Amino acid sequence: MAVMVEGWHEDVSEAFRVYFNRRRQYVLVFMHEVSPQTFHRRGGGRWGFYLPAEIRGRCGKFGELHFVSDRVRPDVVAHELLHLLADRMRARGMSWSERTEERAALMLDELTRAFWREWGKQYY
């Protein structure tokens, strides 16, 4: 993958795309071969973080998900996907309310399914 966050490229063991919005948009997912302490020192969370793309439109790259490769667990992924969902909602001018709750849940379903489908292609 050519697009990387500066200072984060030397330890990437795997990278893949997760598509959503009818395959019009995607996030890049990077697995880093570092300890959680190193990851945190570099400015990420302990086990992962979401980084929105600086420039984006209705198609193409939406952001990046970074994970410590040996700490990827369903709860960690769910946490970072929730950050992605919140960003996606803000980008669409949506706020969380009773009216938008079901739409947001469907968007999260889509992101979750897409992430684990691509994960499975890489690791199984």
N, C-alpha and C. Protein backbone atom coordinates (compact mmCIF):
# COMPACT_ATOMS: atom_id res chain seq x y z
N MET A 1 0.84 -1.18 0.00
CA MET A 1 0.00 0.00 0.00
C MET A 1 0.89 1.25 0.00
N ALA A 2 0.59 2.16 -0.86
CA ALA A 2 1.42 3.34 -1.00
C ALA A 2 1.07 4.44 0.01
N VAL A 3 -0.18 4.51 0.41
CA VAL A 3 -0.61 5.58 1.31
C VAL A 3 -0.42 5.13 2.75
N MET A 4 0.41 5.84 3.49
CA MET A 4 0.69 5.47 4.88
C MET A 4 0.74 6.71 5.75
N VAL A 5 0.56 6.52 7.00
CA VAL A 5 0.74 7.58 7.98
C VAL A 5 2.23 7.69 8.23
N GLU A 6 2.76 8.88 8.19
CA GLU A 6 4.20 9.04 8.38
C GLU A 6 4.65 8.49 9.72
N GLY A 7 5.74 7.72 9.69
CA GLY A 7 6.28 7.13 10.90
C GLY A 7 5.66 5.79 11.26
N TRP A 8 4.68 5.34 10.50
CA TRP A 8 3.98 4.09 10.82
C TRP A 8 4.24 3.02 9.78
N HIS A 9 5.05 3.25 8.77
CA HIS A 9 5.18 2.32 7.66
C HIS A 9 6.17 1.18 7.88
N GLU A 10 7.14 1.34 8.74
CA GLU A 10 8.21 0.34 8.84
C GLU A 10 7.80 -0.97 9.50
N ASP A 11 6.72 -1.00 10.23
CA ASP A 11 6.37 -2.20 10.97
C ASP A 11 5.05 -2.84 10.54
N VAL A 12 4.56 -2.51 9.35
CA VAL A 12 3.29 -3.06 8.88
C VAL A 12 3.52 -4.48 8.35
N SER A 13 2.78 -5.44 8.91
CA SER A 13 2.91 -6.82 8.45
C SER A 13 1.85 -7.15 7.41
N GLU A 14 0.69 -6.56 7.51
CA GLU A 14 -0.42 -6.81 6.58
C GLU A 14 -1.17 -5.51 6.36
N ALA A 15 -1.76 -5.38 5.19
CA ALA A 15 -2.62 -4.25 4.89
C ALA A 15 -3.70 -4.73 3.93
N PHE A 16 -4.92 -4.27 4.15
CA PHE A 16 -6.01 -4.62 3.25
C PHE A 16 -7.07 -3.52 3.29
N ARG A 17 -8.00 -3.57 2.35
CA ARG A 17 -9.07 -2.59 2.26
C ARG A 17 -10.38 -3.19 2.73
N VAL A 18 -11.19 -2.36 3.36
CA VAL A 18 -12.55 -2.73 3.74
C VAL A 18 -13.47 -1.75 3.02
N TYR A 19 -14.29 -2.27 2.12
CA TYR A 19 -15.20 -1.44 1.33
C TYR A 19 -16.55 -1.33 2.01
N PHE A 20 -17.21 -0.19 1.78
CA PHE A 20 -18.57 0.04 2.27
C PHE A 20 -19.24 1.03 1.34
N ASN A 21 -20.49 1.37 1.63
CA ASN A 21 -21.25 2.30 0.80
C ASN A 21 -21.31 1.81 -0.65
N ARG A 22 -21.71 0.54 -0.79
CA ARG A 22 -21.81 -0.12 -2.10
C ARG A 22 -20.48 -0.12 -2.85
N ARG A 23 -19.42 -0.36 -2.09
CA ARG A 23 -18.04 -0.43 -2.61
C ARG A 23 -17.55 0.89 -3.22
N ARG A 24 -18.19 1.99 -2.87
CA ARG A 24 -17.73 3.29 -3.36
C ARG A 24 -16.66 3.89 -2.46
N GLN A 25 -16.65 3.50 -1.20
CA GLN A 25 -15.68 4.04 -0.25
C GLN A 25 -15.00 2.89 0.47
N TYR A 26 -13.84 3.18 1.04
CA TYR A 26 -13.11 2.14 1.77
C TYR A 26 -12.24 2.76 2.85
N VAL A 27 -11.86 1.92 3.78
CA VAL A 27 -10.83 2.26 4.77
C VAL A 27 -9.67 1.29 4.55
N LEU A 28 -8.48 1.78 4.72
CA LEU A 28 -7.29 0.93 4.69
C LEU A 28 -7.08 0.40 6.10
N VAL A 29 -6.77 -0.88 6.21
CA VAL A 29 -6.53 -1.50 7.51
C VAL A 29 -5.08 -1.95 7.55
N PHE A 30 -4.36 -1.53 8.58
CA PHE A 30 -2.95 -1.87 8.73
C PHE A 30 -2.74 -2.65 10.02
N MET A 31 -2.00 -3.73 9.91
CA MET A 31 -1.62 -4.53 11.07
C MET A 31 -0.15 -4.27 11.34
N HIS A 32 0.15 -3.81 12.55
CA HIS A 32 1.52 -3.44 12.93
C HIS A 32 2.13 -4.50 13.83
N GLU A 33 3.35 -4.87 13.54
CA GLU A 33 4.11 -5.83 14.35
C GLU A 33 4.92 -5.08 15.40
N VAL A 34 4.24 -4.56 16.39
CA VAL A 34 4.90 -3.82 17.48
C VAL A 34 4.21 -4.19 18.80
N SER A 35 4.82 -3.79 19.89
CA SER A 35 4.19 -3.99 21.19
C SER A 35 3.15 -2.88 21.41
N PRO A 36 2.18 -3.12 22.28
CA PRO A 36 1.21 -2.07 22.58
C PRO A 36 1.88 -0.80 23.13
N GLN A 37 2.97 -0.95 23.88
CA GLN A 37 3.67 0.22 24.42
C GLN A 37 4.27 1.06 23.30
N THR A 38 4.88 0.42 22.32
CA THR A 38 5.45 1.15 21.17
C THR A 38 4.35 1.84 20.39
N PHE A 39 3.27 1.14 20.17
CA PHE A 39 2.13 1.68 19.43
C PHE A 39 1.59 2.93 20.12
N HIS A 40 1.42 2.84 21.43
CA HIS A 40 0.91 3.96 22.22
C HIS A 40 1.89 5.14 22.21
N ARG A 41 3.17 4.86 22.34
CA ARG A 41 4.18 5.92 22.33
C ARG A 41 4.18 6.69 21.02
N ARG A 42 3.87 6.03 19.93
CA ARG A 42 3.85 6.68 18.61
C ARG A 42 2.60 7.50 18.38
N GLY A 43 1.68 7.47 19.31
CA GLY A 43 0.48 8.30 19.19
C GLY A 43 -0.80 7.54 18.91
N GLY A 44 -0.73 6.21 18.80
CA GLY A 44 -1.94 5.41 18.63
C GLY A 44 -2.51 5.11 20.00
N GLY A 45 -3.60 4.38 20.02
CA GLY A 45 -4.12 3.89 21.29
C GLY A 45 -3.23 2.76 21.76
N ARG A 46 -3.68 1.98 22.71
CA ARG A 46 -2.88 0.84 23.16
C ARG A 46 -2.89 -0.28 22.13
N TRP A 47 -4.05 -0.50 21.48
CA TRP A 47 -4.16 -1.64 20.56
C TRP A 47 -4.63 -1.24 19.17
N GLY A 48 -5.11 -0.02 19.00
CA GLY A 48 -5.58 0.39 17.69
C GLY A 48 -6.05 1.83 17.68
N PHE A 49 -6.23 2.36 16.46
CA PHE A 49 -6.82 3.69 16.31
C PHE A 49 -7.39 3.86 14.92
N TYR A 50 -8.31 4.81 14.79
CA TYR A 50 -8.91 5.18 13.51
C TYR A 50 -8.39 6.56 13.13
N LEU A 51 -8.02 6.71 11.87
CA LEU A 51 -7.52 7.99 11.35
C LEU A 51 -8.34 8.37 10.12
N PRO A 52 -9.11 9.47 10.18
CA PRO A 52 -9.87 9.89 9.00
C PRO A 52 -8.95 10.39 7.90
N ALA A 53 -9.36 10.21 6.66
CA ALA A 53 -8.58 10.73 5.53
C ALA A 53 -8.67 12.25 5.54
N GLU A 54 -7.57 12.90 5.18
CA GLU A 54 -7.57 14.36 5.16
C GLU A 54 -8.45 14.90 4.05
N ILE A 55 -8.40 14.25 2.89
CA ILE A 55 -9.21 14.66 1.74
C ILE A 55 -10.05 13.47 1.32
N ARG A 56 -11.34 13.69 1.20
CA ARG A 56 -12.21 12.61 0.75
C ARG A 56 -13.46 13.18 0.11
N GLY A 57 -14.03 12.37 -0.74
CA GLY A 57 -15.28 12.73 -1.40
C GLY A 57 -16.28 11.62 -1.18
N ARG A 58 -17.20 11.48 -2.10
CA ARG A 58 -18.21 10.43 -1.99
C ARG A 58 -17.67 9.07 -2.42
N CYS A 59 -16.51 9.05 -3.04
CA CYS A 59 -15.88 7.80 -3.49
C CYS A 59 -14.42 7.80 -3.03
N GLY A 60 -13.86 6.61 -2.89
CA GLY A 60 -12.45 6.48 -2.57
C GLY A 60 -12.17 6.30 -1.10
N LYS A 61 -10.93 6.62 -0.74
CA LYS A 61 -10.46 6.39 0.63
C LYS A 61 -11.19 7.30 1.63
N PHE A 62 -11.71 6.68 2.70
CA PHE A 62 -12.40 7.41 3.75
C PHE A 62 -11.54 7.59 4.99
N GLY A 63 -10.63 6.64 5.23
CA GLY A 63 -9.78 6.72 6.42
C GLY A 63 -8.92 5.48 6.55
N GLU A 64 -8.32 5.34 7.73
CA GLU A 64 -7.43 4.21 8.01
C GLU A 64 -7.70 3.66 9.40
N LEU A 65 -7.61 2.34 9.50
CA LEU A 65 -7.67 1.65 10.79
C LEU A 65 -6.31 1.01 11.02
N HIS A 66 -5.73 1.25 12.19
CA HIS A 66 -4.43 0.69 12.54
C HIS A 66 -4.59 -0.17 13.79
N PHE A 67 -4.01 -1.37 13.75
CA PHE A 67 -4.10 -2.29 14.87
C PHE A 67 -2.74 -2.90 15.19
N VAL A 68 -2.49 -3.19 16.47
CA VAL A 68 -1.36 -4.03 16.86
C VAL A 68 -1.77 -5.44 16.44
N SER A 69 -0.99 -6.07 15.58
CA SER A 69 -1.42 -7.31 14.93
C SER A 69 -1.77 -8.44 15.89
N ASP A 70 -1.07 -8.58 17.00
CA ASP A 70 -1.39 -9.68 17.91
C ASP A 70 -2.39 -9.28 19.00
N ARG A 71 -3.02 -8.12 18.85
CA ARG A 71 -4.04 -7.68 19.81
C ARG A 71 -5.40 -7.45 19.14
N VAL A 72 -5.58 -7.93 17.92
CA VAL A 72 -6.85 -7.75 17.23
C VAL A 72 -7.87 -8.71 17.82
N ARG A 73 -8.88 -8.15 18.47
CA ARG A 73 -9.96 -8.92 19.08
C ARG A 73 -11.28 -8.26 18.70
N PRO A 74 -12.38 -8.98 18.79
CA PRO A 74 -13.67 -8.38 18.41
C PRO A 74 -13.99 -7.08 19.12
N ASP A 75 -13.67 -6.96 20.42
CA ASP A 75 -13.99 -5.72 21.13
C ASP A 75 -13.13 -4.55 20.65
N VAL A 76 -11.88 -4.81 20.32
CA VAL A 76 -10.99 -3.76 19.82
C VAL A 76 -11.48 -3.28 18.45
N VAL A 77 -11.83 -4.24 17.59
CA VAL A 77 -12.33 -3.89 16.26
C VAL A 77 -13.64 -3.12 16.38
N ALA A 78 -14.55 -3.56 17.25
CA ALA A 78 -15.83 -2.88 17.43
C ALA A 78 -15.61 -1.43 17.89
N HIS A 79 -14.66 -1.23 18.79
CA HIS A 79 -14.34 0.11 19.28
C HIS A 79 -13.91 1.02 18.13
N GLU A 80 -12.99 0.54 17.31
CA GLU A 80 -12.49 1.37 16.21
C GLU A 80 -13.53 1.55 15.11
N LEU A 81 -14.35 0.53 14.86
CA LEU A 81 -15.42 0.68 13.88
C LEU A 81 -16.45 1.69 14.34
N LEU A 82 -16.65 1.81 15.65
CA LEU A 82 -17.58 2.83 16.16
C LEU A 82 -17.03 4.24 15.88
N HIS A 83 -15.72 4.42 16.00
CA HIS A 83 -15.12 5.72 15.61
C HIS A 83 -15.35 5.99 14.12
N LEU A 84 -15.17 4.96 13.30
CA LEU A 84 -15.41 5.10 11.86
C LEU A 84 -16.87 5.43 11.59
N LEU A 85 -17.79 4.76 12.26
CA LEU A 85 -19.22 5.03 12.10
C LEU A 85 -19.54 6.48 12.47
N ALA A 86 -19.01 6.95 13.58
CA ALA A 86 -19.27 8.33 14.01
C ALA A 86 -18.76 9.32 12.97
N ASP A 87 -17.58 9.05 12.42
CA ASP A 87 -17.03 9.92 11.37
C ASP A 87 -17.90 9.87 10.12
N ARG A 88 -18.33 8.69 9.76
CA ARG A 88 -19.19 8.55 8.58
C ARG A 88 -20.52 9.28 8.77
N MET A 89 -21.08 9.19 9.97
CA MET A 89 -22.32 9.90 10.25
C MET A 89 -22.11 11.42 10.17
N ARG A 90 -21.02 11.91 10.75
CA ARG A 90 -20.73 13.35 10.68
C ARG A 90 -20.56 13.80 9.23
N ALA A 91 -19.88 12.98 8.43
CA ALA A 91 -19.65 13.32 7.02
C ALA A 91 -20.97 13.41 6.25
N ARG A 92 -21.97 12.67 6.69
CA ARG A 92 -23.28 12.68 6.03
C ARG A 92 -24.24 13.69 6.67
N GLY A 93 -23.78 14.41 7.68
CA GLY A 93 -24.63 15.38 8.35
C GLY A 93 -25.65 14.73 9.27
N MET A 94 -25.37 13.50 9.70
CA MET A 94 -26.30 12.78 10.60
C MET A 94 -25.90 13.01 12.05
N SER A 95 -26.87 12.99 12.91
CA SER A 95 -26.62 12.98 14.35
C SER A 95 -27.35 11.78 14.92
N TRP A 96 -26.97 11.38 16.12
CA TRP A 96 -27.60 10.23 16.75
C TRP A 96 -28.92 10.65 17.37
N SER A 97 -30.00 10.03 16.94
CA SER A 97 -31.32 10.32 17.50
C SER A 97 -32.19 9.08 17.31
N GLU A 98 -33.41 9.14 17.81
CA GLU A 98 -34.34 8.03 17.60
C GLU A 98 -34.59 7.79 16.12
N ARG A 99 -34.64 8.87 15.36
CA ARG A 99 -34.91 8.74 13.92
C ARG A 99 -33.75 8.12 13.16
N THR A 100 -32.53 8.35 13.60
CA THR A 100 -31.36 7.86 12.85
C THR A 100 -30.76 6.60 13.46
N GLU A 101 -31.26 6.17 14.58
CA GLU A 101 -30.68 5.03 15.28
C GLU A 101 -30.64 3.77 14.41
N GLU A 102 -31.75 3.44 13.77
CA GLU A 102 -31.78 2.22 12.94
C GLU A 102 -30.84 2.35 11.74
N ARG A 103 -30.80 3.50 11.11
CA ARG A 103 -29.89 3.72 9.97
C ARG A 103 -28.44 3.57 10.43
N ALA A 104 -28.10 4.12 11.58
CA ALA A 104 -26.74 3.98 12.12
C ALA A 104 -26.42 2.53 12.43
N ALA A 105 -27.39 1.80 12.97
CA ALA A 105 -27.17 0.38 13.26
C ALA A 105 -26.91 -0.40 11.98
N LEU A 106 -27.64 -0.09 10.92
CA LEU A 106 -27.41 -0.75 9.64
C LEU A 106 -26.04 -0.41 9.06
N MET A 107 -25.62 0.83 9.24
CA MET A 107 -24.29 1.23 8.77
C MET A 107 -23.20 0.47 9.54
N LEU A 108 -23.39 0.33 10.85
CA LEU A 108 -22.42 -0.42 11.65
C LEU A 108 -22.42 -1.90 11.27
N ASP A 109 -23.58 -2.47 10.99
CA ASP A 109 -23.65 -3.85 10.51
C ASP A 109 -22.82 -4.01 9.24
N GLU A 110 -22.99 -3.08 8.31
CA GLU A 110 -22.25 -3.13 7.05
C GLU A 110 -20.74 -3.09 7.28
N LEU A 111 -20.30 -2.17 8.13
CA LEU A 111 -18.86 -2.04 8.41
C LEU A 111 -18.32 -3.29 9.09
N THR A 112 -19.07 -3.82 10.04
CA THR A 112 -18.64 -5.01 10.78
C THR A 112 -18.53 -6.21 9.86
N ARG A 113 -19.56 -6.45 9.05
CA ARG A 113 -19.52 -7.57 8.10
C ARG A 113 -18.36 -7.44 7.14
N ALA A 114 -18.18 -6.24 6.59
CA ALA A 114 -17.11 -6.02 5.62
C ALA A 114 -15.73 -6.22 6.24
N PHE A 115 -15.55 -5.73 7.48
CA PHE A 115 -14.25 -5.91 8.13
C PHE A 115 -13.93 -7.38 8.32
N TRP A 116 -14.86 -8.13 8.91
CA TRP A 116 -14.56 -9.54 9.22
C TRP A 116 -14.48 -10.39 7.96
N ARG A 117 -15.18 -10.01 6.89
CA ARG A 117 -15.05 -10.73 5.61
C ARG A 117 -13.62 -10.56 5.08
N GLU A 118 -13.13 -9.33 5.06
CA GLU A 118 -11.77 -9.09 4.57
C GLU A 118 -10.72 -9.69 5.50
N TRP A 119 -10.97 -9.63 6.79
CA TRP A 119 -10.06 -10.25 7.78
C TRP A 119 -9.94 -11.74 7.48
N GLY A 120 -11.07 -12.38 7.25
CA GLY A 120 -11.07 -13.80 6.95
C GLY A 120 -10.29 -14.14 5.69
N LYS A 121 -10.35 -13.29 4.69
CA LYS A 121 -9.59 -13.51 3.46
C LYS A 121 -8.09 -13.45 3.72
N GLN A 122 -7.68 -12.61 4.66
CA GLN A 122 -6.26 -12.43 4.95
C GLN A 122 -5.70 -13.51 5.86
N TYR A 123 -6.51 -13.98 6.80
CA TYR A 123 -5.98 -14.81 7.86
C TYR A 123 -6.52 -16.24 7.92
N TYR A 124 -7.43 -16.61 7.02
CA TYR A 124 -7.94 -17.99 7.02
C TYR A 124 -7.91 -18.58 5.64
